[in-house]
Amino acid sequence: MTAITATEARKNLFGLISQVNEDHTSVEIVSKDSNAVLMSKDDYESMVETAYLLSSPVNARWLLGSLEQARSGSTTKRELIDDEGDLHR
C-alpha cells in the first residue's frame, strides 16, 4: 500500500480516486494526528461483505470448507435455474 501525506492527497484527490478504482490498490493518507485509507467503493463493499459472511462461525466454517473443496478439485457442476424456472447452461 502506498502512503502519502494529507497535503499530497489534497493536491491530487481526483487522481487518487481514479487510481484506486483502476488498479484496486489502497492509498494510506498520513497526517500528524491520525491516518486514513482511501480505497475504491467496490473494494470497500467487498471487504464489508466478506467480514459479514465470516462473522458467523458456522457460516465461516461452511465457506472455508467449500473453498477447500474447490481447491482440491472436489466440485460438482450444476445447471442454474432462474426465478422464472428457465434453465441456464
PDB file of N, CA and C in Angstrom:
ATOM      1  N   MET A   1       0.854  -1.169   0.000  1.00  0.00           N
ATOM      2  CA  MET A   1       0.000   0.000   0.000  1.00  0.00           C
ATOM      3  C   MET A   1       0.899   1.231   0.000  1.00  0.00           C
ATOM      4  N   THR A   2       0.581   2.158  -0.868  1.00  0.00           N
ATOM      5  CA  THR A   2       1.302   3.417  -0.952  1.00  0.00           C
ATOM      6  C   THR A   2       0.863   4.334   0.184  1.00  0.00           C
ATOM      7  N   ALA A   3       1.793   5.091   0.725  1.00  0.00           N
ATOM      8  CA  ALA A   3       1.467   6.064   1.765  1.00  0.00           C
ATOM      9  C   ALA A   3       1.859   7.455   1.281  1.00  0.00           C
ATOM     10  N   ILE A   4       0.950   8.407   1.454  1.00  0.00           N
ATOM     11  CA  ILE A   4       1.228   9.795   1.097  1.00  0.00           C
ATOM     12  C   ILE A   4       0.723  10.698   2.218  1.00  0.00           C
ATOM     13  N   THR A   5       1.200  11.924   2.224  1.00  0.00           N
ATOM     14  CA  THR A   5       0.752  12.872   3.245  1.00  0.00           C
ATOM     15  C   THR A   5      -0.638  13.396   2.890  1.00  0.00           C
ATOM     16  N   ALA A   6      -1.302  13.927   3.892  1.00  0.00           N
ATOM     17  CA  ALA A   6      -2.625  14.510   3.670  1.00  0.00           C
ATOM     18  C   ALA A   6      -2.532  15.686   2.700  1.00  0.00           C
ATOM     19  N   THR A   7      -1.446  16.431   2.766  1.00  0.00           N
ATOM     20  CA  THR A   7      -1.250  17.555   1.842  1.00  0.00           C
ATOM     21  C   THR A   7      -1.158  17.063   0.405  1.00  0.00           C
ATOM     22  N   GLU A   8      -0.387  15.989   0.180  1.00  0.00           N
ATOM     23  CA  GLU A   8      -0.287  15.412  -1.165  1.00  0.00           C
ATOM     24  C   GLU A   8      -1.644  14.898  -1.633  1.00  0.00           C
ATOM     25  N   ALA A   9      -2.378  14.251  -0.741  1.00  0.00           N
ATOM     26  CA  ALA A   9      -3.693  13.712  -1.094  1.00  0.00           C
ATOM     27  C   ALA A   9      -4.649  14.834  -1.484  1.00  0.00           C
ATOM     28  N   ARG A  10      -4.603  15.912  -0.756  1.00  0.00           N
ATOM     29  CA  ARG A  10      -5.477  17.053  -1.046  1.00  0.00           C
ATOM     30  C   ARG A  10      -5.174  17.621  -2.434  1.00  0.00           C
ATOM     31  N   LYS A  11      -3.885  17.696  -2.789  1.00  0.00           N
ATOM     32  CA  LYS A  11      -3.484  18.247  -4.091  1.00  0.00           C
ATOM     33  C   LYS A  11      -3.938  17.371  -5.256  1.00  0.00           C
ATOM     34  N   ASN A  12      -4.031  16.061  -5.037  1.00  0.00           N
ATOM     35  CA  ASN A  12      -4.296  15.138  -6.138  1.00  0.00           C
ATOM     36  C   ASN A  12      -5.471  14.205  -5.837  1.00  0.00           C
ATOM     37  N   LEU A  13      -6.495  14.716  -5.165  1.00  0.00           N
ATOM     38  CA  LEU A  13      -7.587  13.855  -4.720  1.00  0.00           C
ATOM     39  C   LEU A  13      -8.278  13.140  -5.877  1.00  0.00           C
ATOM     40  N   PHE A  14      -8.623  13.870  -6.934  1.00  0.00           N
ATOM     41  CA  PHE A  14      -9.343  13.234  -8.044  1.00  0.00           C
ATOM     42  C   PHE A  14      -8.481  12.198  -8.749  1.00  0.00           C
ATOM     43  N   GLY A  15      -7.187  12.462  -8.866  1.00  0.00           N
ATOM     44  CA  GLY A  15      -6.277  11.474  -9.442  1.00  0.00           C
ATOM     45  C   GLY A  15      -6.175  10.230  -8.577  1.00  0.00           C
ATOM     46  N   LEU A  16      -6.152  10.415  -7.265  1.00  0.00           N
ATOM     47  CA  LEU A  16      -6.099   9.272  -6.347  1.00  0.00           C
ATOM     48  C   LEU A  16      -7.374   8.438  -6.422  1.00  0.00           C
ATOM     49  N   ILE A  17      -8.512   9.115  -6.535  1.00  0.00           N
ATOM     50  CA  ILE A  17      -9.778   8.387  -6.657  1.00  0.00           C
ATOM     51  C   ILE A  17      -9.764   7.532  -7.917  1.00  0.00           C
ATOM     52  N   SER A  18      -9.297   8.093  -9.015  1.00  0.00           N
ATOM     53  CA  SER A  18      -9.193   7.315 -10.261  1.00  0.00           C
ATOM     54  C   SER A  18      -8.236   6.146 -10.088  1.00  0.00           C
ATOM     55  N   GLN A  19      -7.099   6.397  -9.458  1.00  0.00           N
ATOM     56  CA  GLN A  19      -6.072   5.357  -9.279  1.00  0.00           C
ATOM     57  C   GLN A  19      -6.597   4.168  -8.483  1.00  0.00           C
ATOM     58  N   VAL A  20      -7.235   4.423  -7.344  1.00  0.00           N
ATOM     59  CA  VAL A  20      -7.692   3.303  -6.508  1.00  0.00           C
ATOM     60  C   VAL A  20      -8.822   2.525  -7.174  1.00  0.00           C
ATOM     61  N   ASN A  21      -9.575   3.184  -8.044  1.00  0.00           N
ATOM     62  CA  ASN A  21     -10.635   2.487  -8.772  1.00  0.00           C
ATOM     63  C   ASN A  21     -10.094   1.692  -9.949  1.00  0.00           C
ATOM     64  N   GLU A  22      -9.021   2.170 -10.565  1.00  0.00           N
ATOM     65  CA  GLU A  22      -8.452   1.477 -11.722  1.00  0.00           C
ATOM     66  C   GLU A  22      -7.605   0.279 -11.323  1.00  0.00           C
ATOM     67  N   ASP A  23      -6.726   0.456 -10.339  1.00  0.00           N
ATOM     68  CA  ASP A  23      -5.795  -0.637 -10.013  1.00  0.00           C
ATOM     69  C   ASP A  23      -6.129  -1.369  -8.716  1.00  0.00           C
ATOM     70  N   HIS A  24      -7.190  -0.954  -8.049  1.00  0.00           N
ATOM     71  CA  HIS A  24      -7.667  -1.625  -6.826  1.00  0.00           C
ATOM     72  C   HIS A  24      -6.574  -1.759  -5.766  1.00  0.00           C
ATOM     73  N   THR A  25      -5.724  -0.745  -5.665  1.00  0.00           N
ATOM     74  CA  THR A  25      -4.781  -0.674  -4.554  1.00  0.00           C
ATOM     75  C   THR A  25      -5.232   0.461  -3.643  1.00  0.00           C
ATOM     76  N   SER A  26      -5.031   0.292  -2.372  1.00  0.00           N
ATOM     77  CA  SER A  26      -5.402   1.318  -1.405  1.00  0.00           C
ATOM     78  C   SER A  26      -4.259   2.299  -1.232  1.00  0.00           C
ATOM     79  N   VAL A  27      -4.595   3.506  -0.789  1.00  0.00           N
ATOM     80  CA  VAL A  27      -3.596   4.531  -0.505  1.00  0.00           C
ATOM     81  C   VAL A  27      -3.768   4.960   0.946  1.00  0.00           C
ATOM     82  N   GLU A  28      -2.691   4.872   1.712  1.00  0.00           N
ATOM     83  CA  GLU A  28      -2.727   5.348   3.098  1.00  0.00           C
ATOM     84  C   GLU A  28      -2.443   6.838   3.093  1.00  0.00           C
ATOM     85  N   ILE A  29      -3.298   7.595   3.753  1.00  0.00           N
ATOM     86  CA  ILE A  29      -3.124   9.040   3.862  1.00  0.00           C
ATOM     87  C   ILE A  29      -2.684   9.328   5.290  1.00  0.00           C
ATOM     88  N   VAL A  30      -1.479   9.873   5.414  1.00  0.00           N
ATOM     89  CA  VAL A  30      -0.833  10.057   6.708  1.00  0.00           C
ATOM     90  C   VAL A  30      -0.901  11.528   7.111  1.00  0.00           C
ATOM     91  N   SER A  31      -1.341  11.781   8.343  1.00  0.00           N
ATOM     92  CA  SER A  31      -1.293  13.134   8.895  1.00  0.00           C
ATOM     93  C   SER A  31      -0.662  13.056  10.277  1.00  0.00           C
ATOM     94  N   LYS A  32      -0.383  14.197  10.865  1.00  0.00           N
ATOM     95  CA  LYS A  32       0.316  14.167  12.155  1.00  0.00           C
ATOM     96  C   LYS A  32      -0.558  13.633  13.287  1.00  0.00           C
ATOM     97  N   ASP A  33      -1.879  13.757  13.169  1.00  0.00           N
ATOM     98  CA  ASP A  33      -2.773  13.296  14.228  1.00  0.00           C
ATOM     99  C   ASP A  33      -3.251  11.862  14.044  1.00  0.00           C
ATOM    100  N   SER A  34      -3.544  11.484  12.799  1.00  0.00           N
ATOM    101  CA  SER A  34      -4.045  10.135  12.535  1.00  0.00           C
ATOM    102  C   SER A  34      -3.928   9.831  11.048  1.00  0.00           C
ATOM    103  N   ASN A  35      -4.156   8.588  10.709  1.00  0.00           N
ATOM    104  CA  ASN A  35      -4.048   8.150   9.319  1.00  0.00           C
ATOM    105  C   ASN A  35      -5.399   7.654   8.829  1.00  0.00           C
ATOM    106  N   ALA A  36      -5.543   7.594   7.508  1.00  0.00           N
ATOM    107  CA  ALA A  36      -6.762   7.079   6.887  1.00  0.00           C
ATOM    108  C   ALA A  36      -6.361   6.294   5.646  1.00  0.00           C
ATOM    109  N   VAL A  37      -7.318   5.548   5.107  1.00  0.00           N
ATOM    110  CA  VAL A  37      -7.066   4.764   3.904  1.00  0.00           C
ATOM    111  C   VAL A  37      -8.106   5.137   2.858  1.00  0.00           C
ATOM    112  N   LEU A  38      -7.641   5.373   1.632  1.00  0.00           N
ATOM    113  CA  LEU A  38      -8.528   5.628   0.503  1.00  0.00           C
ATOM    114  C   LEU A  38      -8.559   4.372  -0.349  1.00  0.00           C
ATOM    115  N   MET A  39      -9.764   3.877  -0.608  1.00  0.00           N
ATOM    116  CA  MET A  39      -9.924   2.676  -1.431  1.00  0.00           C
ATOM    117  C   MET A  39     -11.179   2.831  -2.275  1.00  0.00           C
ATOM    118  N   SER A  40     -11.305   2.001  -3.314  1.00  0.00           N
ATOM    119  CA  SER A  40     -12.491   2.073  -4.164  1.00  0.00           C
ATOM    120  C   SER A  40     -13.717   1.622  -3.374  1.00  0.00           C
ATOM    121  N   LYS A  41     -14.861   2.128  -3.766  1.00  0.00           N
ATOM    122  CA  LYS A  41     -16.107   1.734  -3.106  1.00  0.00           C
ATOM    123  C   LYS A  41     -16.357   0.247  -3.301  1.00  0.00           C
ATOM    124  N   ASP A  42     -16.069  -0.271  -4.502  1.00  0.00           N
ATOM    125  CA  ASP A  42     -16.256  -1.706  -4.754  1.00  0.00           C
ATOM    126  C   ASP A  42     -15.408  -2.551  -3.812  1.00  0.00           C
ATOM    127  N   ASP A  43     -14.140  -2.156  -3.615  1.00  0.00           N
ATOM    128  CA  ASP A  43     -13.266  -2.904  -2.714  1.00  0.00           C
ATOM    129  C   ASP A  43     -13.758  -2.816  -1.275  1.00  0.00           C
ATOM    130  N   TYR A  44     -14.224  -1.636  -0.874  1.00  0.00           N
ATOM    131  CA  TYR A  44     -14.760  -1.464   0.477  1.00  0.00           C
ATOM    132  C   TYR A  44     -15.984  -2.355   0.696  1.00  0.00           C
ATOM    133  N   GLU A  45     -16.918  -2.319  -0.263  1.00  0.00           N
ATOM    134  CA  GLU A  45     -18.124  -3.138  -0.131  1.00  0.00           C
ATOM    135  C   GLU A  45     -17.787  -4.624  -0.102  1.00  0.00           C
ATOM    136  N   SER A  46     -16.788  -5.022  -0.859  1.00  0.00           N
ATOM    137  CA  SER A  46     -16.347  -6.419  -0.854  1.00  0.00           C
ATOM    138  C   SER A  46     -15.803  -6.811   0.519  1.00  0.00           C
ATOM    139  N   MET A  47     -15.007  -5.938   1.121  1.00  0.00           N
ATOM    140  CA  MET A  47     -14.461  -6.218   2.455  1.00  0.00           C
ATOM    141  C   MET A  47     -15.567  -6.311   3.499  1.00  0.00           C
ATOM    142  N   VAL A  48     -16.536  -5.404   3.429  1.00  0.00           N
ATOM    143  CA  VAL A  48     -17.652  -5.416   4.382  1.00  0.00           C
ATOM    144  C   VAL A  48     -18.453  -6.704   4.227  1.00  0.00           C
ATOM    145  N   GLU A  49     -18.729  -7.099   2.990  1.00  0.00           N
ATOM    146  CA  GLU A  49     -19.488  -8.332   2.742  1.00  0.00           C
ATOM    147  C   GLU A  49     -18.728  -9.554   3.252  1.00  0.00           C
ATOM    148  N   THR A  50     -17.425  -9.603   2.993  1.00  0.00           N
ATOM    149  CA  THR A  50     -16.609 -10.725   3.463  1.00  0.00           C
ATOM    150  C   THR A  50     -16.611 -10.791   4.986  1.00  0.00           C
ATOM    151  N   ALA A  51     -16.444  -9.647   5.631  1.00  0.00           N
ATOM    152  CA  ALA A  51     -16.464  -9.619   7.099  1.00  0.00           C
ATOM    153  C   ALA A  51     -17.812 -10.098   7.628  1.00  0.00           C
ATOM    154  N   TYR A  52     -18.890  -9.685   6.981  1.00  0.00           N
ATOM    155  CA  TYR A  52     -20.223 -10.115   7.405  1.00  0.00           C
ATOM    156  C   TYR A  52     -20.377 -11.630   7.254  1.00  0.00           C
ATOM    157  N   LEU A  53     -19.983 -12.157   6.093  1.00  0.00           N
ATOM    158  CA  LEU A  53     -20.136 -13.594   5.848  1.00  0.00           C
ATOM    159  C   LEU A  53     -19.294 -14.432   6.805  1.00  0.00           C
ATOM    160  N   LEU A  54     -18.139 -13.912   7.200  1.00  0.00           N
ATOM    161  CA  LEU A  54     -17.259 -14.660   8.096  1.00  0.00           C
ATOM    162  C   LEU A  54     -17.539 -14.383   9.571  1.00  0.00           C
ATOM    163  N   SER A  55     -18.483 -13.473   9.864  1.00  0.00           N
ATOM    164  CA  SER A  55     -18.759 -13.130  11.266  1.00  0.00           C
ATOM    165  C   SER A  55     -19.487 -14.251  12.001  1.00  0.00           C
ATOM    166  N   SER A  56     -20.177 -15.092  11.285  1.00  0.00           N
ATOM    167  CA  SER A  56     -20.833 -16.245  11.895  1.00  0.00           C
ATOM    168  C   SER A  56     -19.871 -17.429  11.834  1.00  0.00           C
ATOM    169  N   PRO A  57     -19.489 -18.006  12.974  1.00  0.00           N
ATOM    170  CA  PRO A  57     -18.558 -19.140  12.950  1.00  0.00           C
ATOM    171  C   PRO A  57     -19.056 -20.305  12.097  1.00  0.00           C
ATOM    172  N   VAL A  58     -20.350 -20.574  12.137  1.00  0.00           N
ATOM    173  CA  VAL A  58     -20.902 -21.680  11.344  1.00  0.00           C
ATOM    174  C   VAL A  58     -20.762 -21.373   9.855  1.00  0.00           C
ATOM    175  N   ASN A  59     -21.133 -20.171   9.462  1.00  0.00           N
ATOM    176  CA  ASN A  59     -21.032 -19.784   8.055  1.00  0.00           C
ATOM    177  C   ASN A  59     -19.570 -19.745   7.610  1.00  0.00           C
ATOM    178  N   ALA A  60     -18.685 -19.257   8.463  1.00  0.00           N
ATOM    179  CA  ALA A  60     -17.263 -19.203   8.120  1.00  0.00           C
ATOM    180  C   ALA A  60     -16.716 -20.602   7.869  1.00  0.00           C
ATOM    181  N   ARG A  61     -17.056 -21.558   8.728  1.00  0.00           N
ATOM    182  CA  ARG A  61     -16.593 -22.939   8.527  1.00  0.00           C
ATOM    183  C   ARG A  61     -17.128 -23.512   7.223  1.00  0.00           C
ATOM    184  N   TRP A  62     -18.402 -23.250   6.935  1.00  0.00           N
ATOM    185  CA  TRP A  62     -19.017 -23.763   5.710  1.00  0.00           C
ATOM    186  C   TRP A  62     -18.334 -23.167   4.477  1.00  0.00           C
ATOM    187  N   LEU A  63     -18.119 -21.843   4.485  1.00  0.00           N
ATOM    188  CA  LEU A  63     -17.478 -21.188   3.342  1.00  0.00           C
ATOM    189  C   LEU A  63     -16.040 -21.652   3.160  1.00  0.00           C
ATOM    190  N   LEU A  64     -15.291 -21.746   4.250  1.00  0.00           N
ATOM    191  CA  LEU A  64     -13.900 -22.186   4.147  1.00  0.00           C
ATOM    192  C   LEU A  64     -13.817 -23.645   3.709  1.00  0.00           C
ATOM    193  N   GLY A  65     -14.772 -24.468   4.149  1.00  0.00           N
ATOM    194  CA  GLY A  65     -14.828 -25.854   3.686  1.00  0.00           C
ATOM    195  C   GLY A  65     -15.121 -25.933   2.200  1.00  0.00           C
ATOM    196  N   SER A  66     -16.020 -25.091   1.725  1.00  0.00           N
ATOM    197  CA  SER A  66     -16.335 -25.049   0.297  1.00  0.00           C
ATOM    198  C   SER A  66     -15.133 -24.600  -0.516  1.00  0.00           C
ATOM    199  N   LEU A  67     -14.408 -23.636  -0.001  1.00  0.00           N
ATOM    200  CA  LEU A  67     -13.202 -23.166  -0.680  1.00  0.00           C
ATOM    201  C   LEU A  67     -12.163 -24.279  -0.774  1.00  0.00           C
ATOM    202  N   GLU A  68     -11.989 -25.015   0.297  1.00  0.00           N
ATOM    203  CA  GLU A  68     -11.044 -26.137   0.298  1.00  0.00           C
ATOM    204  C   GLU A  68     -11.468 -27.207  -0.707  1.00  0.00           C
ATOM    205  N   GLN A  69     -12.769 -27.491  -0.771  1.00  0.00           N
ATOM    206  CA  GLN A  69     -13.261 -28.460  -1.759  1.00  0.00           C
ATOM    207  C   GLN A  69     -12.946 -27.999  -3.180  1.00  0.00           C
ATOM    208  N   ALA A  70     -13.164 -26.730  -3.456  1.00  0.00           N
ATOM    209  CA  ALA A  70     -12.890 -26.202  -4.794  1.00  0.00           C
ATOM    210  C   ALA A  70     -11.405 -26.283  -5.118  1.00  0.00           C
ATOM    211  N   ARG A  71     -10.560 -25.953  -4.153  1.00  0.00           N
ATOM    212  CA  ARG A  71      -9.107 -26.009  -4.381  1.00  0.00           C
ATOM    213  C   ARG A  71      -8.618 -27.428  -4.625  1.00  0.00           C
ATOM    214  N   SER A  72      -9.264 -28.395  -4.005  1.00  0.00           N
ATOM    215  CA  SER A  72      -8.837 -29.786  -4.160  1.00  0.00           C
ATOM    216  C   SER A  72      -9.494 -30.456  -5.368  1.00  0.00           C
ATOM    217  N   GLY A  73     -10.345 -29.716  -6.077  1.00  0.00           N
ATOM    218  CA  GLY A  73     -10.993 -30.270  -7.260  1.00  0.00           C
ATOM    219  C   GLY A  73     -12.244 -31.067  -6.974  1.00  0.00           C
ATOM    220  N   SER A  74     -12.713 -31.050  -5.740  1.00  0.00           N
ATOM    221  CA  SER A  74     -13.921 -31.802  -5.361  1.00  0.00           C
ATOM    222  C   SER A  74     -15.165 -30.953  -5.594  1.00  0.00           C
ATOM    223  N   THR A  75     -15.430 -30.646  -6.852  1.00  0.00           N
ATOM    224  CA  THR A  75     -16.584 -29.814  -7.173  1.00  0.00           C
ATOM    225  C   THR A  75     -17.576 -30.594  -8.026  1.00  0.00           C
ATOM    226  N   THR A  76     -18.784 -30.108  -8.051  1.00  0.00           N
ATOM    227  CA  THR A  76     -19.838 -30.705  -8.863  1.00  0.00           C
ATOM    228  C   THR A  76     -20.424 -29.623  -9.753  1.00  0.00           C
ATOM    229  N   LYS A  77     -20.448 -29.863 -11.055  1.00  0.00           N
ATOM    230  CA  LYS A  77     -21.020 -28.899 -11.984  1.00  0.00           C
ATOM    231  C   LYS A  77     -22.537 -29.054 -11.970  1.00  0.00           C
ATOM    232  N   ARG A  78     -23.233 -27.934 -11.845  1.00  0.00           N
ATOM    233  CA  ARG A  78     -24.695 -27.949 -11.811  1.00  0.00           C
ATOM    234  C   ARG A  78     -25.225 -26.901 -12.779  1.00  0.00           C
ATOM    235  N   GLU A  79     -26.420 -27.135 -13.279  1.00  0.00           N
ATOM    236  CA  GLU A  79     -27.077 -26.163 -14.138  1.00  0.00           C
ATOM    237  C   GLU A  79     -27.875 -25.208 -13.265  1.00  0.00           C
ATOM    238  N   LEU A  80     -27.941 -23.953 -13.689  1.00  0.00           N
ATOM    239  CA  LEU A  80     -28.641 -22.939 -12.919  1.00  0.00           C
ATOM    240  C   LEU A  80     -30.045 -22.730 -13.463  1.00  0.00           C
ATOM    241  N   ILE A  81     -30.986 -22.543 -12.573  1.00  0.00           N
ATOM    242  CA  ILE A  81     -32.367 -22.246 -12.935  1.00  0.00           C
ATOM    243  C   ILE A  81     -32.719 -20.911 -12.289  1.00  0.00           C
ATOM    244  N   ASP A  82     -33.183 -19.955 -13.107  1.00  0.00           N
ATOM    245  CA  ASP A  82     -33.511 -18.642 -12.557  1.00  0.00           C
ATOM    246  C   ASP A  82     -34.897 -18.649 -11.903  1.00  0.00           C
ATOM    247  N   ASP A  83     -35.320 -17.488 -11.406  1.00  0.00           N
ATOM    248  CA  ASP A  83     -36.589 -17.371 -10.680  1.00  0.00           C
ATOM    249  C   ASP A  83     -37.804 -17.759 -11.520  1.00  0.00           C
ATOM    250  N   GLU A  84     -37.695 -17.610 -12.837  1.00  0.00           N
ATOM    251  CA  GLU A  84     -38.811 -17.955 -13.721  1.00  0.00           C
ATOM    252  C   GLU A  84     -38.800 -19.430 -14.103  1.00  0.00           C
ATOM    253  N   GLY A  85     -37.829 -20.176 -13.636  1.00  0.00           N
ATOM    254  CA  GLY A  85     -37.740 -21.592 -13.949  1.00  0.00           C
ATOM    255  C   GLY A  85     -37.002 -21.897 -15.237  1.00  0.00           C
ATOM    256  N   ASP A  86     -36.364 -20.874 -15.828  1.00  0.00           N
ATOM    257  CA  ASP A  86     -35.608 -21.082 -17.061  1.00  0.00           C
ATOM    258  C   ASP A  86     -34.233 -21.654 -16.745  1.00  0.00           C
ATOM    259  N   LEU A  87     -33.822 -22.628 -17.531  1.00  0.00           N
ATOM    260  CA  LEU A  87     -32.544 -23.306 -17.348  1.00  0.00           C
ATOM    261  C   LEU A  87     -31.445 -22.525 -18.048  1.00  0.00           C
ATOM    262  N   HIS A  88     -30.323 -22.320 -17.367  1.00  0.00           N
ATOM    263  CA  HIS A  88     -29.157 -21.638 -17.943  1.00  0.00           C
ATOM    264  C   HIS A  88     -27.979 -22.585 -17.921  1.00  0.00           C
ATOM    265  N   ARG A  89     -27.351 -22.783 -19.051  1.00  0.00           N
ATOM    266  CA  ARG A  89     -26.198 -23.690 -19.147  1.00  0.00           C
ATOM    267  C   ARG A  89     -24.916 -22.921 -19.227  1.00  0.00           C
TER     268      ARG A  89
END
